[in-house]
Amino acid sequence: MELNSLIICTLTLLLFLLDSSTCFLLSSLDVKRYDCNLRFVASTPSRKKQNLRKRSPLLPTTLSQSSHWLNPDDGVTASSSQPGSNLAPTKWIKMGDIARIESPWISLIAERLKDPERDNVMDYWRIERADSAIIIVAQGNKLIFPKHQFRPGIGRLTLDFPGGRIKNGQKPIEAVKGILEKELGVTESDFDENGIVKLTDENGLYVDSSVSSQKLHGFVVTLNIDAKIDKNKIYSRDYMLDNANDMDVLLKKDLLCLQCRSLLMEWMFLSE
């Protein structure tokens, strides 16, 4: 009996130390070499407001104080309503932060939200990323692609239209010029008289509104026939816009990027 009690006490102590150490390690994680900022608010939070100091005495005071829990009237983050319904949307309430990991490329944020309509509280992860621009480039009847690029997300090379991030405070159309010069080696003087044509709405389109506020801005640029393009920068395969087989291969096999495909199909639809 005494042995069983000793084992139980020992396991309980180990679990407590493991939980506290984990919280401490995460909160004090050295991410400077990645130029990131980690703010860990709670390890395994319950649905109720917690005293982080009591839960994990190893958690630094500065981090425990960074936990802020909001009043029901604060921090409106979303809305819930059925499409086509005449009912006013019910605003979701932000109950508090759980964790936040920031880097120059992406921020990962965990929050506790409440949907008053369903009386449902959930822990939700969302992503903050810079808006992006994708440019369909054509010369005559031929689409111009940069060489295949390695995509870490899927671990392989893919065919994509020129594209990239829009820097904070930068106008999307200004980003287009830099992207095309970097990826294709062309400048504004190589564009035809139409210049840079906006394909999407001026405000852009949400890429995935369920987890991110990132927007996609689509453009079309037609190059002058005599514009010089560095062959070392472009993909050698020709995709002719007036060749049904080329477009079939592009859309059914070669072009895997959904954003690129949707912009191309929209452009083809609008050009009919």
Protein backbone atom coordinates (compact mmCIF):
# COMPACT_ATOMS: atom_id res chain seq x y z
CA MET A 1 0.00 0.00 0.00
CA GLU A 2 2.80 2.38 0.97
CA LEU A 3 4.68 1.41 -2.20
CA ASN A 4 1.65 2.22 -4.39
CA SER A 5 1.25 5.59 -2.67
CA LEU A 6 4.93 6.34 -3.22
CA ILE A 7 4.67 5.46 -6.92
CA ILE A 8 1.60 7.66 -7.36
CA CYS A 9 3.26 10.60 -5.59
CA THR A 10 6.41 10.18 -7.67
CA LEU A 11 4.46 10.09 -10.96
CA THR A 12 2.44 13.15 -9.93
CA LEU A 13 5.62 15.06 -9.14
CA LEU A 14 7.20 14.05 -12.47
CA LEU A 15 4.11 15.14 -14.41
CA PHE A 16 4.10 18.50 -12.62
CA LEU A 17 7.79 19.07 -13.31
CA LEU A 18 7.37 18.01 -16.94
CA ASP A 19 4.47 20.40 -17.43
CA SER A 20 6.32 23.26 -15.75
CA SER A 21 9.57 22.55 -17.60
CA THR A 22 7.75 22.36 -20.91
CA CYS A 23 6.07 25.69 -20.23
CA PHE A 24 9.41 27.20 -19.22
CA LEU A 25 11.23 25.85 -22.27
CA LEU A 26 8.58 27.11 -24.65
CA SER A 27 8.41 30.50 -22.97
CA SER A 28 12.16 30.96 -22.94
CA LEU A 29 12.83 29.44 -26.37
CA ASP A 30 15.72 31.17 -28.09
CA VAL A 31 14.41 32.08 -31.52
CA LYS A 32 16.68 35.04 -32.20
CA ARG A 33 18.62 33.11 -34.81
CA TYR A 34 15.38 32.86 -36.79
CA ASP A 35 14.61 36.53 -36.21
CA CYS A 36 11.33 35.45 -34.62
CA ASN A 37 9.46 36.54 -31.55
CA LEU A 38 7.72 33.93 -29.40
CA ARG A 39 5.18 34.94 -26.79
CA PHE A 40 3.85 31.90 -24.98
CA VAL A 41 0.80 32.74 -22.92
CA ALA A 42 -0.41 29.38 -21.62
CA SER A 43 0.58 25.73 -22.06
CA THR A 44 -2.56 23.61 -21.76
CA PRO A 45 -5.22 26.18 -20.86
CA SER A 46 -8.64 25.23 -19.58
CA ARG A 47 -11.83 26.96 -20.60
CA LYS A 48 -11.59 29.19 -17.54
CA LYS A 49 -9.34 32.11 -16.73
CA GLN A 50 -6.13 30.79 -15.25
CA ASN A 51 -3.56 32.04 -12.80
CA LEU A 52 -0.41 31.19 -14.78
CA ARG A 53 1.85 31.86 -11.82
CA LYS A 54 0.09 29.17 -9.77
CA ARG A 55 -0.03 26.72 -12.67
CA SER A 56 3.62 27.03 -13.57
CA PRO A 57 5.94 28.72 -11.05
CA LEU A 58 8.81 28.49 -13.58
CA LEU A 59 7.00 30.71 -16.09
CA PRO A 60 8.71 34.15 -16.21
CA THR A 61 6.71 37.00 -14.68
CA THR A 62 6.87 39.04 -17.88
CA LEU A 63 5.16 36.30 -19.82
CA SER A 64 2.49 35.58 -17.22
CA GLN A 65 1.63 39.28 -17.19
CA SER A 66 1.30 39.28 -20.96
CA SER A 67 -1.79 37.08 -20.68
CA HIS A 68 -4.74 39.39 -21.15
CA TRP A 69 -8.32 38.28 -20.84
CA LEU A 70 -10.91 40.53 -22.34
CA ASN A 71 -14.38 41.59 -21.33
CA PRO A 72 -17.23 40.18 -23.45
CA ASP A 73 -17.64 43.54 -25.14
CA ASP A 74 -13.98 43.70 -26.20
CA GLY A 75 -12.04 42.16 -29.03
CA VAL A 76 -14.65 41.41 -31.67
CA THR A 77 -12.85 39.18 -34.15
CA ALA A 78 -15.42 37.46 -36.36
CA SER A 79 -19.07 36.95 -37.13
CA SER A 80 -21.38 33.99 -37.53
CA SER A 81 -24.36 33.92 -39.84
CA GLN A 82 -25.86 31.69 -42.48
CA PRO A 83 -25.53 32.78 -46.15
CA GLY A 84 -28.72 34.33 -47.41
CA SER A 85 -30.14 34.81 -43.94
CA ASN A 86 -31.84 38.09 -43.04
CA LEU A 87 -30.61 37.78 -39.47
CA ALA A 88 -27.86 40.12 -38.38
CA PRO A 89 -24.56 38.29 -37.92
CA THR A 90 -23.60 37.40 -34.38
CA LYS A 91 -20.16 38.67 -33.48
CA TRP A 92 -17.68 36.26 -32.00
CA ILE A 93 -16.03 37.37 -28.78
CA LYS A 94 -12.31 37.11 -28.22
CA MET A 95 -11.87 35.68 -24.73
CA GLY A 96 -8.08 35.79 -24.63
CA ASP A 97 -4.74 34.88 -26.18
CA ILE A 98 -3.07 31.50 -25.83
CA ALA A 99 0.14 31.82 -27.84
CA ARG A 100 1.76 33.98 -30.50
CA ILE A 101 4.77 33.11 -32.65
CA GLU A 102 6.02 35.84 -34.98
CA SER A 103 8.56 35.93 -37.80
CA PRO A 104 9.20 38.20 -40.81
CA TRP A 105 7.33 35.73 -43.00
CA ILE A 106 4.44 34.44 -40.94
CA SER A 107 2.76 34.82 -37.56
CA LEU A 108 0.95 31.96 -35.84
CA ILE A 109 -1.65 33.03 -33.29
CA ALA A 110 -3.77 30.95 -30.92
CA GLU A 111 -6.86 32.59 -29.43
CA ARG A 112 -9.90 31.60 -27.42
CA LEU A 113 -13.14 32.65 -29.15
CA LYS A 114 -16.78 32.42 -28.15
CA ASP A 115 -19.68 32.15 -30.55
CA PRO A 116 -22.67 33.54 -28.57
CA GLU A 117 -25.10 32.22 -31.15
CA ARG A 118 -24.19 28.62 -30.30
CA ASP A 119 -22.83 29.32 -26.83
CA ASN A 120 -19.68 27.59 -27.97
CA VAL A 121 -16.13 28.37 -26.78
CA MET A 122 -13.24 27.16 -28.91
CA ASP A 123 -9.47 27.48 -29.14
CA TYR A 124 -8.67 28.68 -32.63
CA TRP A 125 -5.38 29.01 -34.48
CA ARG A 126 -5.00 31.57 -37.21
CA ILE A 127 -2.21 32.79 -39.46
CA GLU A 128 -1.12 36.30 -40.34
CA ARG A 129 0.80 36.61 -43.58
CA ALA A 130 1.63 39.46 -45.90
CA ASP A 131 -0.66 39.89 -48.90
CA SER A 132 0.69 38.44 -52.12
CA ALA A 133 0.67 39.25 -55.81
CA ILE A 134 0.59 36.84 -58.75
CA ILE A 135 1.14 38.08 -62.29
CA ILE A 136 0.05 36.34 -65.48
CA VAL A 137 2.66 37.30 -68.09
CA ALA A 138 2.09 36.92 -71.81
CA GLN A 139 4.01 37.85 -74.93
CA GLY A 140 1.94 37.62 -78.06
CA ASN A 141 -0.06 34.41 -77.68
CA LYS A 142 2.48 32.75 -75.38
CA LEU A 143 2.42 32.57 -71.61
CA ILE A 144 5.74 33.31 -69.93
CA PHE A 145 6.75 31.36 -66.83
CA PRO A 146 9.87 31.62 -64.71
CA LYS A 147 11.83 28.43 -64.21
CA HIS A 148 10.45 25.88 -61.78
CA GLN A 149 10.92 26.92 -58.18
CA PHE A 150 11.35 24.76 -55.11
CA ARG A 151 8.39 24.95 -52.74
CA PRO A 152 9.29 23.93 -49.17
CA GLY A 153 5.63 23.39 -48.30
CA ILE A 154 5.42 20.35 -50.58
CA GLY A 155 9.14 19.63 -50.93
CA ARG A 156 9.29 19.79 -54.72
CA LEU A 157 9.77 22.01 -57.76
CA THR A 158 6.62 23.52 -59.27
CA LEU A 159 5.60 25.64 -62.21
CA ASP A 160 4.11 28.97 -61.15
CA PHE A 161 3.40 32.41 -62.50
CA PRO A 162 5.68 35.13 -61.14
CA GLY A 163 4.59 36.12 -57.66
CA GLY A 164 5.65 37.23 -54.23
CA ARG A 165 4.87 39.06 -51.02
CA ILE A 166 3.61 42.63 -50.88
CA LYS A 167 5.65 44.47 -48.26
CA ASN A 168 3.94 46.33 -45.45
CA GLY A 169 2.85 49.74 -46.74
CA GLN A 170 3.70 48.87 -50.34
CA LYS A 171 1.13 49.30 -53.09
CA PRO A 172 0.37 46.01 -54.89
CA ILE A 173 1.13 47.50 -58.29
CA GLU A 174 4.57 48.57 -57.09
CA ALA A 175 5.25 45.03 -55.89
CA VAL A 176 4.49 43.75 -59.39
CA LYS A 177 7.34 45.71 -60.93
CA GLY A 178 9.88 44.35 -58.48
CA ILE A 179 8.64 40.77 -58.83
CA LEU A 180 8.84 40.80 -62.63
CA GLU A 181 12.30 42.34 -62.65
CA LYS A 182 13.54 39.75 -60.16
CA GLU A 183 11.94 36.65 -61.67
CA LEU A 184 11.92 37.43 -65.40
CA GLY A 185 14.42 40.27 -65.76
CA VAL A 186 11.85 42.57 -67.41
CA THR A 187 11.13 46.19 -66.54
CA GLU A 188 8.22 48.56 -67.07
CA SER A 189 9.68 49.62 -70.42
CA ASP A 190 9.05 46.07 -71.68
CA PHE A 191 5.29 46.25 -70.97
CA ASP A 192 2.86 46.95 -73.80
CA GLU A 193 0.57 49.98 -73.86
CA ASN A 194 -1.85 48.40 -71.39
CA GLY A 195 0.79 48.38 -68.68
CA ILE A 196 -0.15 46.47 -65.52
CA VAL A 197 -3.78 45.33 -65.58
CA LYS A 198 -5.50 44.46 -62.29
CA LEU A 199 -7.34 41.16 -62.60
CA THR A 200 -8.84 40.93 -59.12
CA ASP A 201 -10.86 43.44 -57.11
CA GLU A 202 -8.92 46.48 -55.93
CA ASN A 203 -9.03 45.16 -52.38
CA GLY A 204 -7.79 41.72 -53.38
CA LEU A 205 -9.28 38.31 -52.65
CA TYR A 206 -9.00 36.37 -49.40
CA VAL A 207 -6.85 33.26 -49.82
CA ASP A 208 -8.41 31.31 -46.92
CA SER A 209 -10.61 33.45 -44.68
CA SER A 210 -11.16 30.63 -42.17
CA VAL A 211 -7.57 30.84 -40.90
CA SER A 212 -5.99 33.95 -42.39
CA SER A 213 -6.62 37.54 -43.45
CA GLN A 214 -4.06 37.24 -46.25
CA LYS A 215 -5.22 38.61 -49.60
CA LEU A 216 -4.24 37.74 -53.14
CA HIS A 217 -3.86 40.46 -55.78
CA GLY A 218 -3.93 39.21 -59.36
CA PHE A 219 -2.48 41.06 -62.34
CA VAL A 220 -1.91 40.60 -66.06
CA VAL A 221 1.07 42.03 -67.91
CA THR A 222 1.55 41.69 -71.66
CA LEU A 223 5.08 42.23 -72.89
CA ASN A 224 6.00 43.96 -76.10
CA ILE A 225 6.77 41.53 -78.93
CA ASP A 226 10.31 42.88 -79.18
CA ALA A 227 10.95 42.80 -75.43
CA LYS A 228 14.15 40.96 -74.57
CA ILE A 229 13.70 38.23 -71.97
CA ASP A 230 16.62 36.47 -70.32
CA LYS A 231 16.26 32.85 -71.44
CA ASN A 232 18.17 31.73 -68.35
CA LYS A 233 15.28 32.95 -66.20
CA ILE A 234 12.29 31.51 -68.07
CA TYR A 235 10.88 28.01 -68.49
CA SER A 236 11.64 26.66 -71.94
CA ARG A 237 8.26 24.98 -72.55
CA ASP A 238 5.85 27.07 -74.63
CA TYR A 239 2.20 27.34 -73.61
CA MET A 240 0.25 29.00 -76.42
CA LEU A 241 -2.99 30.69 -75.47
CA ASP A 242 -4.59 29.84 -78.82
CA ASN A 243 -3.63 26.15 -78.54
CA ALA A 244 -6.34 24.14 -76.78
CA ASN A 245 -3.97 21.22 -76.12
CA ASP A 246 -1.41 23.49 -74.42
CA MET A 247 -4.07 24.95 -72.14
CA ASP A 248 -5.42 21.48 -71.40
CA VAL A 249 -1.97 20.23 -70.36
CA LEU A 250 -1.35 23.35 -68.30
CA LEU A 251 -4.62 23.15 -66.37
CA LYS A 252 -4.82 19.38 -65.98
CA LYS A 253 -1.20 18.53 -65.30
CA ASP A 254 1.50 21.17 -65.12
CA LEU A 255 0.04 24.07 -63.14
CA LEU A 256 -0.44 22.81 -59.57
CA CYS A 257 -0.82 26.17 -57.82
CA LEU A 258 -4.53 26.72 -57.13
CA GLN A 259 -4.15 30.50 -56.97
CA CYS A 260 -2.35 30.52 -60.34
CA ARG A 261 -5.00 28.29 -61.87
CA SER A 262 -7.91 30.36 -60.59
CA LEU A 263 -6.41 33.60 -61.90
CA LEU A 264 -5.64 32.05 -65.29
CA MET A 265 -9.16 30.65 -65.63
CA GLU A 266 -10.70 33.97 -64.60
CA TRP A 267 -8.56 35.80 -67.15
CA MET A 268 -9.50 33.30 -69.88
CA PHE A 269 -13.18 33.66 -68.95
CA LEU A 270 -13.02 37.47 -69.05
CA SER A 271 -11.15 37.37 -72.38
CA GLU A 272 -13.85 35.36 -74.15
